[in-house]
Amino acid sequence: TLWGGTNGLLVGPAEGMPDTPTVLAD
């Protein structure tokens, strides 16, 4: 693993119930 240590990189706020992510390589 390379990003955000052992727990990953936070990108979406818990308060907003982030949903249905789509990820694409740049």
PDB file of all heavy atoms in Angstrom:
ATOM      1  N   THR A   1       0.836  -1.198   0.000  1.00  0.00           N
ATOM      2  CA  THR A   1       0.000   0.000   0.000  1.00  0.00           C
ATOM      3  C   THR A   1       0.874   1.251   0.000  1.00  0.00           C
ATOM      4  O   THR A   1       1.909   1.297   0.670  1.00  0.00           O
ATOM      5  CB  THR A   1      -0.936   0.010   1.215  1.00  0.00           C
ATOM      6  OG1 THR A   1      -0.162  -0.119   2.420  1.00  0.00           O
ATOM      7  CG2 THR A   1      -1.927  -1.154   1.144  1.00  0.00           C
ATOM      8  N   LEU A   2       0.433   2.296  -0.755  1.00  0.00           N
ATOM      9  CA  LEU A   2       1.261   3.474  -0.967  1.00  0.00           C
ATOM     10  C   LEU A   2       0.634   4.770  -0.463  1.00  0.00           C
ATOM     11  O   LEU A   2       1.347   5.749  -0.259  1.00  0.00           O
ATOM     12  CB  LEU A   2       1.565   3.635  -2.460  1.00  0.00           C
ATOM     13  CG  LEU A   2       2.280   2.469  -3.150  1.00  0.00           C
ATOM     14  CD1 LEU A   2       2.438   2.767  -4.642  1.00  0.00           C
ATOM     15  CD2 LEU A   2       3.640   2.217  -2.506  1.00  0.00           C
ATOM     16  N   TRP A   3      -0.685   4.806  -0.281  1.00  0.00           N
ATOM     17  CA  TRP A   3      -1.357   6.065   0.055  1.00  0.00           C
ATOM     18  C   TRP A   3      -1.998   6.008   1.440  1.00  0.00           C
ATOM     19  O   TRP A   3      -2.631   5.024   1.805  1.00  0.00           O
ATOM     20  CB  TRP A   3      -2.456   6.366  -0.949  1.00  0.00           C
ATOM     21  CG  TRP A   3      -1.996   6.695  -2.332  1.00  0.00           C
ATOM     22  CD1 TRP A   3      -0.713   6.881  -2.758  1.00  0.00           C
ATOM     23  CD2 TRP A   3      -2.827   6.888  -3.487  1.00  0.00           C
ATOM     24  NE1 TRP A   3      -0.686   7.161  -4.093  1.00  0.00           N
ATOM     25  CE2 TRP A   3      -1.957   7.177  -4.570  1.00  0.00           C
ATOM     26  CE3 TRP A   3      -4.200   6.835  -3.702  1.00  0.00           C
ATOM     27  CZ2 TRP A   3      -2.441   7.421  -5.860  1.00  0.00           C
ATOM     28  CZ3 TRP A   3      -4.686   7.084  -4.971  1.00  0.00           C
ATOM     29  CH2 TRP A   3      -3.813   7.374  -6.048  1.00  0.00           C
ATOM     30  N   GLY A   4      -1.834   7.070   2.197  1.00  0.00           N
ATOM     31  CA  GLY A   4      -2.585   7.264   3.431  1.00  0.00           C
ATOM     32  C   GLY A   4      -2.263   6.295   4.549  1.00  0.00           C
ATOM     33  O   GLY A   4      -3.099   6.087   5.429  1.00  0.00           O
ATOM     34  N   GLY A   5      -1.074   5.695   4.538  1.00  0.00           N
ATOM     35  CA  GLY A   5      -0.730   4.758   5.603  1.00  0.00           C
ATOM     36  C   GLY A   5      -1.599   3.517   5.547  1.00  0.00           C
ATOM     37  O   GLY A   5      -2.096   3.115   4.496  1.00  0.00           O
ATOM     38  N   THR A   6      -1.846   2.897   6.691  1.00  0.00           N
ATOM     39  CA  THR A   6      -2.578   1.635   6.725  1.00  0.00           C
ATOM     40  C   THR A   6      -4.079   1.814   6.540  1.00  0.00           C
ATOM     41  O   THR A   6      -4.776   0.853   6.223  1.00  0.00           O
ATOM     42  CB  THR A   6      -2.330   0.911   8.062  1.00  0.00           C
ATOM     43  OG1 THR A   6      -2.741   1.764   9.144  1.00  0.00           O
ATOM     44  CG2 THR A   6      -0.865   0.549   8.226  1.00  0.00           C
ATOM     45  N   ASN A   7      -4.591   3.021   6.748  1.00  0.00           N
ATOM     46  CA  ASN A   7      -6.039   3.225   6.673  1.00  0.00           C
ATOM     47  C   ASN A   7      -6.509   3.885   5.395  1.00  0.00           C
ATOM     48  O   ASN A   7      -7.692   4.175   5.245  1.00  0.00           O
ATOM     49  CB  ASN A   7      -6.519   4.044   7.870  1.00  0.00           C
ATOM     50  CG  ASN A   7      -6.474   3.244   9.155  1.00  0.00           C
ATOM     51  OD1 ASN A   7      -6.765   2.059   9.158  1.00  0.00           O
ATOM     52  ND2 ASN A   7      -6.079   3.889  10.244  1.00  0.00           N
ATOM     53  N   GLY A   8      -5.618   4.164   4.449  1.00  0.00           N
ATOM     54  CA  GLY A   8      -6.015   4.754   3.185  1.00  0.00           C
ATOM     55  C   GLY A   8      -6.132   6.271   3.239  1.00  0.00           C
ATOM     56  O   GLY A   8      -5.972   6.901   4.286  1.00  0.00           O
ATOM     57  N   LEU A   9      -6.403   6.859   2.092  1.00  0.00           N
ATOM     58  CA  LEU A   9      -6.478   8.306   1.925  1.00  0.00           C
ATOM     59  C   LEU A   9      -7.933   8.754   1.955  1.00  0.00           C
ATOM     60  O   LEU A   9      -8.747   8.314   1.144  1.00  0.00           O
ATOM     61  CB  LEU A   9      -5.832   8.700   0.587  1.00  0.00           C
ATOM     62  CG  LEU A   9      -5.907  10.165   0.187  1.00  0.00           C
ATOM     63  CD1 LEU A   9      -5.037  11.015   1.105  1.00  0.00           C
ATOM     64  CD2 LEU A   9      -5.474  10.326  -1.272  1.00  0.00           C
ATOM     65  N   LEU A  10      -8.286   9.645   2.873  1.00  0.00           N
ATOM     66  CA  LEU A  10      -9.659  10.145   2.992  1.00  0.00           C
ATOM     67  C   LEU A  10      -9.939  11.119   1.852  1.00  0.00           C
ATOM     68  O   LEU A  10      -9.231  12.105   1.670  1.00  0.00           O
ATOM     69  CB  LEU A  10      -9.853  10.849   4.332  1.00  0.00           C
ATOM     70  CG  LEU A  10     -11.243  11.433   4.602  1.00  0.00           C
ATOM     71  CD1 LEU A  10     -12.276  10.319   4.728  1.00  0.00           C
ATOM     72  CD2 LEU A  10     -11.220  12.295   5.863  1.00  0.00           C
ATOM     73  N   VAL A  11     -11.016  10.856   1.078  1.00  0.00           N
ATOM     74  CA  VAL A  11     -11.370  11.746  -0.031  1.00  0.00           C
ATOM     75  C   VAL A  11     -12.807  12.250   0.041  1.00  0.00           C
ATOM     76  O   VAL A  11     -13.152  13.243  -0.603  1.00  0.00           O
ATOM     77  CB  VAL A  11     -11.147  11.064  -1.405  1.00  0.00           C
ATOM     78  CG1 VAL A  11      -9.668  10.855  -1.662  1.00  0.00           C
ATOM     79  CG2 VAL A  11     -11.910   9.757  -1.506  1.00  0.00           C
ATOM     80  N   GLY A  12     -13.684  11.570   0.812  1.00  0.00           N
ATOM     81  CA  GLY A  12     -15.073  11.987   0.898  1.00  0.00           C
ATOM     82  C   GLY A  12     -15.539  12.090   2.332  1.00  0.00           C
ATOM     83  O   GLY A  12     -15.205  11.249   3.170  1.00  0.00           O
ATOM     84  N   PRO A  13     -16.322  13.131   2.685  1.00  0.00           N
ATOM     85  CA  PRO A  13     -16.709  13.386   4.070  1.00  0.00           C
ATOM     86  C   PRO A  13     -17.765  12.412   4.590  1.00  0.00           C
ATOM     87  O   PRO A  13     -18.742  12.108   3.896  1.00  0.00           O
ATOM     88  CB  PRO A  13     -17.272  14.806   4.025  1.00  0.00           C
ATOM     89  CG  PRO A  13     -17.821  14.928   2.641  1.00  0.00           C
ATOM     90  CD  PRO A  13     -16.887  14.135   1.764  1.00  0.00           C
ATOM     91  N   ALA A  14     -17.575  11.933   5.800  1.00  0.00           N
ATOM     92  CA  ALA A  14     -18.543  11.018   6.403  1.00  0.00           C
ATOM     93  C   ALA A  14     -19.907  11.674   6.572  1.00  0.00           C
ATOM     94  O   ALA A  14     -20.940  11.034   6.400  1.00  0.00           O
ATOM     95  CB  ALA A  14     -18.012  10.527   7.754  1.00  0.00           C
ATOM     96  N   GLU A  15     -19.914  12.976   6.870  1.00  0.00           N
ATOM     97  CA  GLU A  15     -21.174  13.660   7.139  1.00  0.00           C
ATOM     98  C   GLU A  15     -22.099  13.681   5.915  1.00  0.00           C
ATOM     99  O   GLU A  15     -23.307  13.786   6.042  1.00  0.00           O
ATOM    100  CB  GLU A  15     -20.911  15.099   7.599  1.00  0.00           C
ATOM    101  CG  GLU A  15     -20.126  15.205   8.883  1.00  0.00           C
ATOM    102  CD  GLU A  15     -18.618  15.128   8.646  1.00  0.00           C
ATOM    103  OE1 GLU A  15     -18.203  14.936   7.496  1.00  0.00           O
ATOM    104  OE2 GLU A  15     -17.862  15.273   9.625  1.00  0.00           O
ATOM    105  N   GLY A  16     -21.525  13.612   4.712  1.00  0.00           N
ATOM    106  CA  GLY A  16     -22.338  13.713   3.511  1.00  0.00           C
ATOM    107  C   GLY A  16     -22.757  12.380   2.934  1.00  0.00           C
ATOM    108  O   GLY A  16     -23.356  12.333   1.862  1.00  0.00           O
ATOM    109  N   MET A  17     -22.448  11.268   3.621  1.00  0.00           N
ATOM    110  CA  MET A  17     -22.766   9.929   3.125  1.00  0.00           C
ATOM    111  C   MET A  17     -22.273   9.738   1.688  1.00  0.00           C
ATOM    112  O   MET A  17     -23.059   9.515   0.760  1.00  0.00           O
ATOM    113  CB  MET A  17     -24.266   9.657   3.213  1.00  0.00           C
ATOM    114  CG  MET A  17     -24.791   9.526   4.618  1.00  0.00           C
ATOM    115  SD  MET A  17     -26.577   9.186   4.657  1.00  0.00           S
ATOM    116  CE  MET A  17     -26.647   7.596   3.835  1.00  0.00           C
ATOM    117  N   PRO A  18     -20.970   9.846   1.438  1.00  0.00           N
ATOM    118  CA  PRO A  18     -20.457   9.691   0.072  1.00  0.00           C
ATOM    119  C   PRO A  18     -20.796   8.318  -0.489  1.00  0.00           C
ATOM    120  O   PRO A  18     -20.750   7.315   0.220  1.00  0.00           O
ATOM    121  CB  PRO A  18     -18.949   9.866   0.259  1.00  0.00           C
ATOM    122  CG  PRO A  18     -18.691   9.481   1.676  1.00  0.00           C
ATOM    123  CD  PRO A  18     -19.900   9.944   2.427  1.00  0.00           C
ATOM    124  N   ASP A  19     -21.121   8.280  -1.773  1.00  0.00           N
ATOM    125  CA  ASP A  19     -21.678   7.051  -2.331  1.00  0.00           C
ATOM    126  C   ASP A  19     -21.277   6.889  -3.797  1.00  0.00           C
ATOM    127  O   ASP A  19     -20.889   7.840  -4.462  1.00  0.00           O
ATOM    128  CB  ASP A  19     -23.200   7.097  -2.215  1.00  0.00           C
ATOM    129  CG  ASP A  19     -23.825   5.712  -2.140  1.00  0.00           C
ATOM    130  OD1 ASP A  19     -23.089   4.724  -2.289  1.00  0.00           O
ATOM    131  OD2 ASP A  19     -25.044   5.636  -1.925  1.00  0.00           O
ATOM    132  N   THR A  20     -21.412   5.650  -4.285  1.00  0.00           N
ATOM    133  CA  THR A  20     -21.218   5.246  -5.686  1.00  0.00           C
ATOM    134  C   THR A  20     -19.957   5.834  -6.325  1.00  0.00           C
ATOM    135  O   THR A  20     -20.033   6.571  -7.302  1.00  0.00           O
ATOM    136  CB  THR A  20     -22.455   5.601  -6.539  1.00  0.00           C
ATOM    137  OG1 THR A  20     -22.704   7.005  -6.463  1.00  0.00           O
ATOM    138  CG2 THR A  20     -23.678   4.835  -6.088  1.00  0.00           C
ATOM    139  N   PRO A  21     -18.766   5.528  -5.796  1.00  0.00           N
ATOM    140  CA  PRO A  21     -17.541   6.070  -6.383  1.00  0.00           C
ATOM    141  C   PRO A  21     -17.209   5.415  -7.723  1.00  0.00           C
ATOM    142  O   PRO A  21     -17.483   4.243  -7.953  1.00  0.00           O
ATOM    143  CB  PRO A  21     -16.478   5.715  -5.334  1.00  0.00           C
ATOM    144  CG  PRO A  21     -16.997   4.460  -4.708  1.00  0.00           C
ATOM    145  CD  PRO A  21     -18.488   4.640  -4.651  1.00  0.00           C
ATOM    146  N   THR A  22     -16.621   6.206  -8.607  1.00  0.00           N
ATOM    147  CA  THR A  22     -16.036   5.713  -9.853  1.00  0.00           C
ATOM    148  C   THR A  22     -14.606   6.222  -9.893  1.00  0.00           C
ATOM    149  O   THR A  22     -14.373   7.431  -9.784  1.00  0.00           O
ATOM    150  CB  THR A  22     -16.812   6.223 -11.077  1.00  0.00           C
ATOM    151  OG1 THR A  22     -18.137   5.703 -11.046  1.00  0.00           O
ATOM    152  CG2 THR A  22     -16.141   5.785 -12.367  1.00  0.00           C
ATOM    153  N   VAL A  23     -13.623   5.320 -10.040  1.00  0.00           N
ATOM    154  CA  VAL A  23     -12.219   5.709 -10.042  1.00  0.00           C
ATOM    155  C   VAL A  23     -11.601   5.367 -11.394  1.00  0.00           C
ATOM    156  O   VAL A  23     -11.899   4.325 -11.979  1.00  0.00           O
ATOM    157  CB  VAL A  23     -11.450   5.024  -8.878  1.00  0.00           C
ATOM    158  CG1 VAL A  23     -11.457   3.516  -9.004  1.00  0.00           C
ATOM    159  CG2 VAL A  23     -10.029   5.556  -8.780  1.00  0.00           C
ATOM    160  N   LEU A  24     -10.750   6.278 -11.900  1.00  0.00           N
ATOM    161  CA  LEU A  24     -10.103   6.093 -13.191  1.00  0.00           C
ATOM    162  C   LEU A  24      -8.652   6.543 -13.111  1.00  0.00           C
ATOM    163  O   LEU A  24      -8.346   7.574 -12.514  1.00  0.00           O
ATOM    164  CB  LEU A  24     -10.801   6.909 -14.288  1.00  0.00           C
ATOM    165  CG  LEU A  24     -12.268   6.638 -14.537  1.00  0.00           C
ATOM    166  CD1 LEU A  24     -13.112   7.709 -13.862  1.00  0.00           C
ATOM    167  CD2 LEU A  24     -12.566   6.619 -16.024  1.00  0.00           C
ATOM    168  N   ALA A  25      -7.756   5.779 -13.731  1.00  0.00           N
ATOM    169  CA  ALA A  25      -6.341   6.140 -13.770  1.00  0.00           C
ATOM    170  C   ALA A  25      -6.147   7.378 -14.634  1.00  0.00           C
ATOM    171  O   ALA A  25      -6.860   7.584 -15.623  1.00  0.00           O
ATOM    172  CB  ALA A  25      -5.530   4.975 -14.322  1.00  0.00           C
ATOM    173  N   ASP A  26      -5.163   8.211 -14.244  1.00  0.00           N
ATOM    174  CA  ASP A  26      -4.893   9.429 -15.017  1.00  0.00           C
ATOM    175  C   ASP A  26      -3.744   9.255 -16.005  1.00  0.00           C
ATOM    176  O   ASP A  26      -3.381  10.190 -16.718  1.00  0.00           O
ATOM    177  CB  ASP A  26      -4.608  10.607 -14.084  1.00  0.00           C
ATOM    178  CG  ASP A  26      -3.306  10.449 -13.304  1.00  0.00           C
ATOM    179  OD1 ASP A  26      -2.613   9.416 -13.446  1.00  0.00           O
ATOM    180  OD2 ASP A  26      -2.980  11.373 -12.517  1.00  0.00           O
TER     181      ASP A  26
END
